[in-house]
N, C-alpha and C. Protein backbone atom coordinates (compact mmCIF):
# COMPACT_ATOMS: atom_id res chain seq x y z
N MET A 1 -1.19 9.27 18.60
CA MET A 1 -1.02 9.38 17.27
C MET A 1 0.26 10.18 17.14
N ALA A 2 0.50 11.33 18.01
CA ALA A 2 1.80 12.13 17.91
C ALA A 2 3.02 11.32 18.14
N GLU A 3 2.93 10.13 18.82
CA GLU A 3 4.04 9.34 19.08
C GLU A 3 4.40 8.65 17.80
N ILE A 4 3.57 8.22 16.98
CA ILE A 4 3.82 7.52 15.53
C ILE A 4 4.46 8.67 14.65
N LEU A 5 4.25 9.87 14.66
CA LEU A 5 4.82 10.93 13.96
C LEU A 5 6.40 11.18 14.59
N HIS A 6 6.61 10.99 15.71
CA HIS A 6 8.00 11.24 16.28
C HIS A 6 8.87 9.94 15.82
N GLU A 7 8.17 8.79 15.79
CA GLU A 7 8.93 7.54 15.41
C GLU A 7 9.03 7.58 13.92
N ILE A 8 8.20 8.25 13.07
CA ILE A 8 8.56 8.55 11.64
C ILE A 8 9.66 9.43 11.51
N GLU A 9 9.69 10.45 12.22
CA GLU A 9 10.55 11.51 12.05
C GLU A 9 12.06 10.92 12.27
N ALA A 10 12.08 10.24 13.23
CA ALA A 10 13.37 9.57 13.72
C ALA A 10 13.93 8.58 12.56
N CYS A 11 13.09 8.04 11.73
CA CYS A 11 13.58 7.27 10.58
C CYS A 11 13.87 7.86 9.40
N VAL A 12 13.77 9.30 9.31
CA VAL A 12 13.87 10.00 8.09
C VAL A 12 15.43 10.05 7.55
N PRO A 13 16.36 10.11 8.51
CA PRO A 13 17.83 9.90 8.00
C PRO A 13 18.17 8.36 7.50
N ALA A 14 17.53 7.49 8.17
CA ALA A 14 17.83 6.04 7.66
C ALA A 14 17.24 5.90 6.24
N LEU A 15 15.98 6.51 6.12
CA LEU A 15 15.29 6.36 4.91
C LEU A 15 16.12 7.17 3.80
N ARG A 16 16.51 8.37 3.98
CA ARG A 16 17.37 9.14 3.04
C ARG A 16 18.61 8.28 2.55
N ARG A 17 19.28 7.79 3.75
CA ARG A 17 20.58 7.08 3.37
C ARG A 17 20.36 5.67 2.42
N TYR A 18 19.15 5.04 2.79
CA TYR A 18 18.87 3.87 1.90
C TYR A 18 18.43 4.27 0.46
N ALA A 19 17.46 5.20 0.46
CA ALA A 19 17.17 5.93 -0.88
C ALA A 19 18.14 6.38 -1.80
N ARG A 20 19.06 7.16 -1.31
CA ARG A 20 20.32 7.59 -1.91
C ARG A 20 21.11 6.19 -2.42
N ALA A 21 21.35 5.33 -1.58
CA ALA A 21 22.17 4.13 -2.03
C ALA A 21 21.23 3.33 -3.22
N LEU A 22 19.93 3.35 -2.89
CA LEU A 22 19.10 2.53 -3.80
C LEU A 22 19.06 3.42 -5.21
N THR A 23 18.83 4.58 -5.20
CA THR A 23 18.77 5.24 -6.48
C THR A 23 20.03 5.89 -7.03
N ARG A 24 21.05 6.00 -6.17
CA ARG A 24 22.38 6.72 -6.43
C ARG A 24 21.85 8.09 -7.17
N ASP A 25 20.93 8.94 -6.65
CA ASP A 25 20.60 10.07 -7.21
C ASP A 25 19.98 10.99 -6.07
N ILE A 26 20.71 11.95 -5.62
CA ILE A 26 20.26 12.57 -4.47
C ILE A 26 18.72 13.22 -4.71
N ASP A 27 18.58 13.86 -5.66
CA ASP A 27 17.11 14.52 -5.94
C ASP A 27 16.08 13.36 -5.97
N ARG A 28 16.45 12.35 -6.94
CA ARG A 28 15.36 11.37 -6.79
C ARG A 28 15.09 10.67 -5.39
N ALA A 29 16.09 10.37 -4.67
CA ALA A 29 16.08 9.95 -3.54
C ALA A 29 15.14 10.73 -2.46
N ASP A 30 15.46 12.06 -2.53
CA ASP A 30 14.68 12.84 -1.74
C ASP A 30 13.34 12.88 -2.14
N ASP A 31 12.88 12.82 -3.50
CA ASP A 31 11.48 12.60 -3.85
C ASP A 31 10.92 11.45 -3.42
N LEU A 32 11.72 10.32 -3.33
CA LEU A 32 11.34 9.08 -3.07
C LEU A 32 10.89 9.04 -1.39
N VAL A 33 11.86 9.56 -0.50
CA VAL A 33 11.55 9.65 0.83
C VAL A 33 10.29 10.53 0.99
N GLN A 34 10.29 11.75 0.27
CA GLN A 34 9.07 12.51 0.62
C GLN A 34 7.88 11.75 0.14
N ASP A 35 7.83 11.13 -1.01
CA ASP A 35 6.53 10.25 -1.16
C ASP A 35 6.21 9.20 -0.18
N CYS A 36 7.35 8.76 0.22
CA CYS A 36 7.28 7.58 1.47
C CYS A 36 6.48 8.10 2.54
N LEU A 37 7.30 9.47 2.96
CA LEU A 37 6.49 10.03 4.25
C LEU A 37 5.12 10.59 4.12
N GLU A 38 4.82 11.06 2.97
CA GLU A 38 3.48 11.61 2.59
C GLU A 38 2.49 10.44 2.69
N ARG A 39 3.07 9.33 2.20
CA ARG A 39 2.10 8.07 2.12
C ARG A 39 1.92 7.40 3.55
N ALA A 40 3.16 7.56 4.24
CA ALA A 40 3.13 7.13 5.72
C ALA A 40 2.06 7.95 6.51
N ILE A 41 2.24 9.14 6.44
CA ILE A 41 1.59 10.02 7.39
C ILE A 41 -0.11 10.01 6.82
N SER A 42 -0.31 10.05 5.57
CA SER A 42 -1.67 10.09 5.18
C SER A 42 -2.28 8.74 5.55
N ARG A 43 -1.62 7.65 5.83
CA ARG A 43 -2.19 6.39 5.94
C ARG A 43 -1.66 5.88 7.41
N ARG A 44 -1.35 6.73 8.16
CA ARG A 44 -0.73 6.07 9.64
C ARG A 44 -1.88 5.38 10.45
N GLY A 45 -3.09 5.69 10.00
CA GLY A 45 -4.13 4.91 10.67
C GLY A 45 -4.27 3.59 10.13
N LEU A 46 -3.48 3.15 9.20
CA LEU A 46 -3.42 1.79 8.91
C LEU A 46 -2.36 1.11 9.45
N PHE A 47 -1.30 1.71 9.94
CA PHE A 47 -0.24 1.12 10.89
C PHE A 47 -0.87 0.39 12.01
N GLN A 48 -0.58 -0.86 12.19
CA GLN A 48 -0.76 -1.59 13.17
C GLN A 48 0.38 -1.91 14.00
N PRO A 49 0.30 -1.17 15.19
CA PRO A 49 1.39 -1.27 16.04
C PRO A 49 1.87 -2.45 16.70
N ARG A 50 2.20 -3.43 15.98
CA ARG A 50 2.69 -4.59 16.65
C ARG A 50 4.26 -4.61 16.48
N GLY A 51 4.81 -3.70 16.18
CA GLY A 51 6.41 -3.58 16.09
C GLY A 51 6.77 -2.20 15.73
N PRO A 52 8.12 -2.09 15.51
CA PRO A 52 8.54 -0.80 15.16
C PRO A 52 7.98 -0.08 13.86
N VAL A 53 8.15 1.10 13.85
CA VAL A 53 7.55 1.81 12.58
C VAL A 53 8.42 1.56 11.37
N ARG A 54 9.76 1.53 11.66
CA ARG A 54 10.86 1.34 10.77
C ARG A 54 10.59 0.27 9.64
N PRO A 55 10.44 -0.82 9.99
CA PRO A 55 10.16 -1.75 8.85
C PRO A 55 8.84 -1.47 7.92
N TRP A 56 7.99 -0.81 8.59
CA TRP A 56 6.76 -0.51 7.82
C TRP A 56 7.01 0.75 6.88
N LEU A 57 7.96 1.66 7.28
CA LEU A 57 8.28 2.68 6.42
C LEU A 57 9.32 2.23 5.20
N PHE A 58 10.28 1.45 5.56
CA PHE A 58 10.90 0.72 4.42
C PHE A 58 10.20 -0.03 3.49
N THR A 59 9.34 -0.76 4.01
CA THR A 59 8.40 -1.43 3.13
C THR A 59 7.70 -0.46 2.17
N ILE A 60 7.21 0.65 2.55
CA ILE A 60 6.37 1.57 1.75
C ILE A 60 7.53 2.20 0.75
N LEU A 61 8.65 2.46 1.19
CA LEU A 61 9.65 3.12 0.40
C LEU A 61 10.19 2.28 -0.72
N ILE A 62 10.32 0.85 -0.45
CA ILE A 62 10.61 -0.06 -1.45
C ILE A 62 9.31 -0.19 -2.43
N ASN A 63 8.25 -0.16 -2.01
CA ASN A 63 7.16 -0.43 -2.97
C ASN A 63 7.16 0.90 -3.89
N ILE A 64 7.19 2.03 -3.33
CA ILE A 64 7.13 3.21 -4.01
C ILE A 64 8.37 3.24 -5.16
N TYR A 65 9.49 2.73 -4.75
CA TYR A 65 10.54 2.58 -5.75
C TYR A 65 10.39 1.69 -6.78
N ARG A 66 9.81 0.41 -6.36
CA ARG A 66 9.55 -0.58 -7.47
C ARG A 66 8.47 0.05 -8.33
N ASN A 67 7.47 0.65 -7.94
CA ASN A 67 6.36 1.17 -8.83
C ASN A 67 7.12 2.25 -9.79
N ASP A 68 8.04 3.18 -9.18
CA ASP A 68 8.48 4.01 -9.93
C ASP A 68 9.48 3.38 -11.14
N LEU A 69 10.17 2.39 -10.85
CA LEU A 69 11.01 1.67 -11.80
C LEU A 69 10.10 1.02 -12.88
N ARG A 70 9.10 0.52 -12.58
CA ARG A 70 7.93 -0.21 -13.49
C ARG A 70 7.42 1.02 -14.44
N GLN A 71 7.14 2.17 -13.83
CA GLN A 71 6.78 3.32 -14.79
C GLN A 71 7.89 3.95 -15.61
N ASN A 72 9.04 3.86 -15.05
CA ASN A 72 10.12 4.37 -15.98
C ASN A 72 10.42 3.36 -17.14
N ARG A 73 10.27 2.14 -16.73
CA ARG A 73 10.52 1.27 -17.83
C ARG A 73 9.68 1.30 -19.06
N ARG A 74 8.35 1.55 -18.71
CA ARG A 74 7.47 1.85 -19.73
C ARG A 74 7.58 3.16 -20.62
N ARG A 75 8.33 4.25 -19.85
CA ARG A 75 8.81 5.36 -20.55
C ARG A 75 10.06 5.48 -21.34
N GLY A 76 11.10 4.42 -20.95
CA GLY A 76 12.17 4.36 -21.61
C GLY A 76 13.20 5.05 -20.79
N ASP A 77 14.48 4.73 -21.09
CA ASP A 77 15.51 5.54 -20.23
C ASP A 77 15.72 6.88 -20.57
N VAL A 78 16.10 7.50 -19.60
CA VAL A 78 16.44 9.06 -19.62
C VAL A 78 17.85 9.13 -19.15
N VAL A 79 18.69 9.71 -19.68
CA VAL A 79 20.14 9.74 -19.41
C VAL A 79 20.26 11.18 -19.05
N ASP A 80 20.80 11.50 -17.82
CA ASP A 80 21.15 12.82 -17.35
C ASP A 80 22.44 13.07 -17.94
N ILE A 81 22.75 14.32 -18.59
CA ILE A 81 23.98 14.65 -19.09
C ILE A 81 24.78 14.88 -18.04
N GLN A 82 24.44 15.34 -16.92
CA GLN A 82 25.23 15.65 -15.89
C GLN A 82 25.88 14.49 -15.22
N SER A 83 25.11 13.30 -15.47
CA SER A 83 25.71 12.07 -14.63
C SER A 83 26.80 11.52 -15.47
N ILE A 84 27.04 11.69 -16.66
CA ILE A 84 27.98 11.11 -17.47
C ILE A 84 29.28 11.70 -17.01
N PRO A 85 30.26 10.73 -16.66
CA PRO A 85 31.63 11.21 -15.97
C PRO A 85 32.29 11.67 -17.12
N GLU A 86 33.21 12.68 -16.90
CA GLU A 86 34.23 13.20 -17.92
C GLU A 86 35.48 11.88 -18.03
N PRO A 87 35.60 11.52 -19.23
CA PRO A 87 36.43 10.42 -19.56
C PRO A 87 37.90 10.69 -19.12
N ALA A 88 38.35 12.02 -19.25
CA ALA A 88 39.66 12.17 -19.19
C ALA A 88 40.16 12.78 -17.67
N THR A 89 39.14 12.66 -16.85
CA THR A 89 39.17 13.32 -15.24
C THR A 89 39.66 12.00 -14.32
N PRO A 90 40.87 12.16 -13.91
CA PRO A 90 41.43 11.16 -13.06
C PRO A 90 40.76 11.08 -11.67
N ALA A 91 40.43 10.25 -10.99
CA ALA A 91 40.12 10.08 -9.76
C ALA A 91 40.86 10.57 -8.71
N PRO A 92 40.54 11.44 -7.69
CA PRO A 92 41.57 12.06 -6.89
C PRO A 92 42.18 11.22 -5.95
N GLN A 93 41.62 9.91 -5.55
CA GLN A 93 42.24 9.07 -4.52
C GLN A 93 41.83 7.68 -4.90
N PRO A 94 42.91 6.75 -4.76
CA PRO A 94 42.50 5.40 -4.93
C PRO A 94 41.19 4.95 -4.16
N GLY A 95 40.89 5.30 -2.93
CA GLY A 95 39.66 5.14 -2.35
C GLY A 95 38.47 5.47 -2.97
N HIS A 96 38.62 6.44 -3.53
CA HIS A 96 37.43 7.15 -4.54
C HIS A 96 37.23 6.10 -5.65
N LEU A 97 38.41 5.61 -6.32
CA LEU A 97 38.06 4.70 -7.46
C LEU A 97 37.48 3.43 -6.93
N ALA A 98 37.95 2.86 -5.73
CA ALA A 98 37.22 1.63 -5.18
C ALA A 98 35.84 1.88 -4.90
N LEU A 99 35.40 3.02 -4.42
CA LEU A 99 34.09 3.41 -4.00
C LEU A 99 33.23 3.69 -5.49
N ALA A 100 33.88 4.24 -6.34
CA ALA A 100 33.03 4.19 -7.59
C ALA A 100 32.84 2.75 -8.52
N GLU A 101 33.94 2.08 -8.25
CA GLU A 101 33.91 0.66 -8.80
C GLU A 101 32.78 -0.09 -8.18
N LEU A 102 32.69 0.14 -6.75
CA LEU A 102 31.57 -0.70 -6.12
C LEU A 102 30.27 -0.10 -6.41
N GLY A 103 30.33 1.36 -6.51
CA GLY A 103 28.85 1.85 -6.93
C GLY A 103 28.44 1.23 -8.36
N ARG A 104 29.43 1.41 -9.26
CA ARG A 104 29.10 0.71 -10.57
C ARG A 104 28.69 -0.72 -10.38
N ALA A 105 29.34 -1.44 -9.65
CA ALA A 105 29.00 -3.03 -9.37
C ALA A 105 27.56 -3.09 -8.97
N LEU A 106 27.27 -2.21 -7.86
CA LEU A 106 25.97 -2.11 -7.31
C LEU A 106 24.93 -1.88 -8.27
N GLU A 107 25.31 -1.07 -9.18
CA GLU A 107 24.11 -0.68 -10.20
C GLU A 107 23.78 -1.96 -11.17
N THR A 108 24.93 -2.80 -11.23
CA THR A 108 24.74 -4.00 -12.19
C THR A 108 23.98 -5.15 -11.58
N LEU A 109 23.81 -5.22 -10.25
CA LEU A 109 22.95 -6.23 -9.45
C LEU A 109 21.64 -6.02 -9.72
N PRO A 110 21.02 -7.25 -9.93
CA PRO A 110 19.59 -7.28 -10.10
C PRO A 110 18.83 -6.70 -8.77
N LEU A 111 17.70 -6.14 -9.15
CA LEU A 111 16.98 -5.10 -8.18
C LEU A 111 16.71 -6.08 -6.83
N ASP A 112 16.32 -7.31 -6.96
CA ASP A 112 15.97 -8.08 -5.78
C ASP A 112 17.27 -8.29 -4.88
N GLN A 113 18.42 -8.44 -5.53
CA GLN A 113 19.69 -8.59 -4.78
C GLN A 113 20.07 -7.13 -4.14
N LYS A 114 20.02 -6.10 -4.89
CA LYS A 114 20.53 -4.84 -4.56
C LYS A 114 19.63 -4.43 -3.43
N GLU A 115 18.37 -4.52 -3.42
CA GLU A 115 17.39 -4.22 -2.31
C GLU A 115 17.81 -4.90 -1.01
N ALA A 116 18.14 -6.33 -1.07
CA ALA A 116 18.55 -7.14 0.00
C ALA A 116 19.80 -6.70 0.64
N LEU A 117 20.72 -6.62 -0.28
CA LEU A 117 22.10 -6.07 0.23
C LEU A 117 22.17 -4.90 0.83
N LEU A 118 21.58 -3.95 0.36
CA LEU A 118 21.45 -2.45 1.04
C LEU A 118 20.76 -2.43 2.51
N LEU A 119 19.67 -3.17 2.45
CA LEU A 119 18.97 -3.16 3.56
C LEU A 119 19.84 -3.83 4.81
N VAL A 120 20.72 -4.91 4.58
CA VAL A 120 21.55 -5.42 5.50
C VAL A 120 22.72 -4.90 5.89
N THR A 121 23.32 -4.38 4.67
CA THR A 121 24.71 -3.88 4.93
C THR A 121 24.69 -2.33 5.15
N LEU A 122 23.99 -1.58 4.31
CA LEU A 122 23.79 -0.26 4.55
C LEU A 122 22.97 0.14 5.74
N GLU A 123 21.69 -0.36 5.98
CA GLU A 123 20.88 0.02 7.06
C GLU A 123 21.17 -0.94 8.30
N GLY A 124 21.95 -1.99 8.09
CA GLY A 124 22.22 -2.78 9.24
C GLY A 124 21.10 -3.50 10.08
N LEU A 125 19.98 -3.72 9.10
CA LEU A 125 18.90 -4.51 9.65
C LEU A 125 19.24 -5.88 9.79
N SER A 126 18.54 -6.53 10.68
CA SER A 126 18.70 -8.07 10.84
C SER A 126 18.07 -8.58 9.68
N TYR A 127 18.55 -10.13 9.44
CA TYR A 127 18.04 -10.73 8.22
C TYR A 127 16.39 -10.86 8.30
N GLN A 128 15.95 -10.96 9.64
CA GLN A 128 14.50 -11.15 9.63
C GLN A 128 13.88 -10.03 9.27
N ASP A 129 14.27 -8.84 9.75
CA ASP A 129 13.70 -7.55 9.37
C ASP A 129 13.73 -7.37 7.91
N ALA A 130 14.85 -7.63 7.35
CA ALA A 130 15.14 -7.33 5.95
C ALA A 130 14.01 -8.32 5.13
N ALA A 131 13.96 -9.43 5.62
CA ALA A 131 13.10 -10.59 4.77
C ALA A 131 11.64 -10.15 4.96
N LYS A 132 11.25 -9.51 6.18
CA LYS A 132 10.03 -9.12 6.47
C LYS A 132 9.48 -7.67 5.55
N ILE A 133 10.56 -6.98 5.41
CA ILE A 133 10.39 -5.69 4.74
C ILE A 133 10.18 -5.98 3.20
N LEU A 134 11.05 -6.95 2.82
CA LEU A 134 10.90 -7.29 1.39
C LEU A 134 9.82 -8.41 1.07
N ASP A 135 9.27 -8.96 2.28
CA ASP A 135 8.24 -9.85 2.00
C ASP A 135 8.56 -11.11 1.27
N ILE A 136 9.81 -11.77 1.66
CA ILE A 136 10.14 -12.79 1.14
C ILE A 136 10.79 -13.70 2.44
N PRO A 137 10.87 -15.06 2.29
CA PRO A 137 11.29 -15.88 3.42
C PRO A 137 12.76 -15.59 3.59
N LEU A 138 13.33 -16.09 4.77
CA LEU A 138 14.50 -15.80 5.25
C LEU A 138 15.58 -16.42 4.23
N GLY A 139 15.40 -17.65 4.05
CA GLY A 139 16.23 -18.52 3.12
C GLY A 139 16.41 -17.79 1.75
N THR A 140 15.24 -17.24 1.31
CA THR A 140 15.45 -16.38 0.03
C THR A 140 16.19 -15.31 0.20
N LEU A 141 16.05 -14.48 1.26
CA LEU A 141 16.90 -13.35 1.47
C LEU A 141 18.39 -13.84 1.67
N MET A 142 18.68 -14.74 2.32
CA MET A 142 20.15 -15.38 2.35
C MET A 142 20.66 -15.69 1.18
N SER A 143 19.75 -16.25 0.04
CA SER A 143 20.28 -16.62 -1.29
C SER A 143 20.54 -15.47 -2.05
N ARG A 144 19.85 -14.48 -1.76
CA ARG A 144 19.91 -13.19 -2.48
C ARG A 144 21.28 -12.38 -2.07
N LEU A 145 21.49 -12.39 -0.82
CA LEU A 145 22.68 -12.06 -0.35
C LEU A 145 23.89 -12.57 -0.75
N GLY A 146 23.81 -13.89 -0.76
CA GLY A 146 25.15 -14.57 -1.28
C GLY A 146 25.26 -14.42 -2.74
N ARG A 147 24.20 -14.37 -3.39
CA ARG A 147 24.46 -14.12 -4.82
C ARG A 147 24.95 -12.70 -5.22
N ALA A 148 24.41 -11.80 -4.32
CA ALA A 148 24.82 -10.34 -4.73
C ALA A 148 26.39 -10.19 -4.31
N ARG A 149 26.74 -10.86 -3.06
CA ARG A 149 28.07 -10.65 -2.47
C ARG A 149 29.04 -11.31 -3.59
N SER A 150 28.50 -12.40 -3.97
CA SER A 150 29.38 -13.17 -4.86
C SER A 150 29.72 -12.29 -6.21
N ALA A 151 28.47 -11.82 -6.64
CA ALA A 151 28.61 -10.84 -7.76
C ALA A 151 29.34 -9.61 -7.77
N LEU A 152 29.40 -9.17 -6.38
CA LEU A 152 30.18 -8.02 -6.30
C LEU A 152 31.71 -8.35 -6.21
N ARG A 153 32.00 -9.46 -5.64
CA ARG A 153 33.35 -10.02 -5.61
C ARG A 153 34.02 -10.33 -7.06
N ALA A 154 32.92 -10.77 -7.94
CA ALA A 154 33.40 -10.99 -9.34
C ALA A 154 33.76 -9.81 -9.95
N LEU A 155 32.76 -8.67 -9.84
CA LEU A 155 32.76 -7.48 -10.40
C LEU A 155 33.92 -6.60 -9.97
N THR A 156 34.34 -6.61 -8.76
CA THR A 156 35.32 -5.57 -8.24
C THR A 156 36.72 -6.40 -8.21
N GLY A 157 36.60 -7.52 -8.38
CA GLY A 157 38.04 -8.44 -8.22
C GLY A 157 38.40 -8.60 -7.08
N THR A 158 37.72 -8.33 -5.96
CA THR A 158 38.10 -8.79 -4.69
C THR A 158 38.00 -10.19 -4.40
N PRO A 159 38.91 -10.64 -3.65
CA PRO A 159 38.81 -12.29 -3.35
C PRO A 159 37.72 -12.55 -2.30
N ALA A 160 37.35 -13.76 -2.39
CA ALA A 160 36.40 -14.09 -1.22
C ALA A 160 36.95 -14.21 0.14
N GLU A 161 36.52 -13.51 1.05
CA GLU A 161 36.95 -13.76 2.49
C GLU A 161 35.95 -14.32 3.16
N PRO A 162 36.28 -15.15 4.11
CA PRO A 162 35.29 -15.97 4.84
C PRO A 162 34.90 -14.87 5.97
N HIS A 163 33.70 -14.18 5.57
CA HIS A 163 32.97 -13.37 6.50
C HIS A 163 31.61 -13.79 6.76
N LEU A 164 31.57 -14.43 7.86
CA LEU A 164 30.25 -15.02 8.23
C LEU A 164 29.50 -14.36 9.33
N ARG A 165 28.22 -14.27 9.32
CA ARG A 165 27.54 -13.55 10.16
C ARG A 165 26.44 -14.44 10.87
N THR A 166 26.51 -14.47 12.29
CA THR A 166 25.53 -15.25 13.06
C THR A 166 24.07 -14.88 12.71
N VAL A 167 23.43 -15.96 12.55
CA VAL A 167 21.95 -15.67 12.36
C VAL A 167 21.27 -16.36 13.57
N LYS A 168 20.55 -15.57 14.25
CA LYS A 168 19.84 -16.02 15.46
C LYS A 168 18.44 -16.34 15.31
């Protein structure tokens, strides 16, 4: 039983990175990861060790995130005054501008596309693992990735580059 706790602990940095990319809010991401870890540890008896713990943890995190989104939609939008950028402040570097533009473009993606894209690109999960975490067929994942990448190219003005990835 202690082994699963070590595996969970090893996944914390990846969970935090994914949660921060998903929420784009450090505090909210930390709360999300904490809720995920609390749920995983309290229900570790339900984990069936047929594979690594990582996909199981990401599934829990995504489910908690989706539940939070549903609850927030019922409450209405809350705008954090600190998150509103100063309109007259120029960006310090062109790279920062591109990163900010990409971040804004990511926020406009539908949730299903955003989840799929972040799992594959940010976390480097295989398509099979990402599809399993999202509980969707592999073809659906590929479609969501294609639509997400196409939308990002259109939103950022980046020309399409032939970037193919081998699917095993």
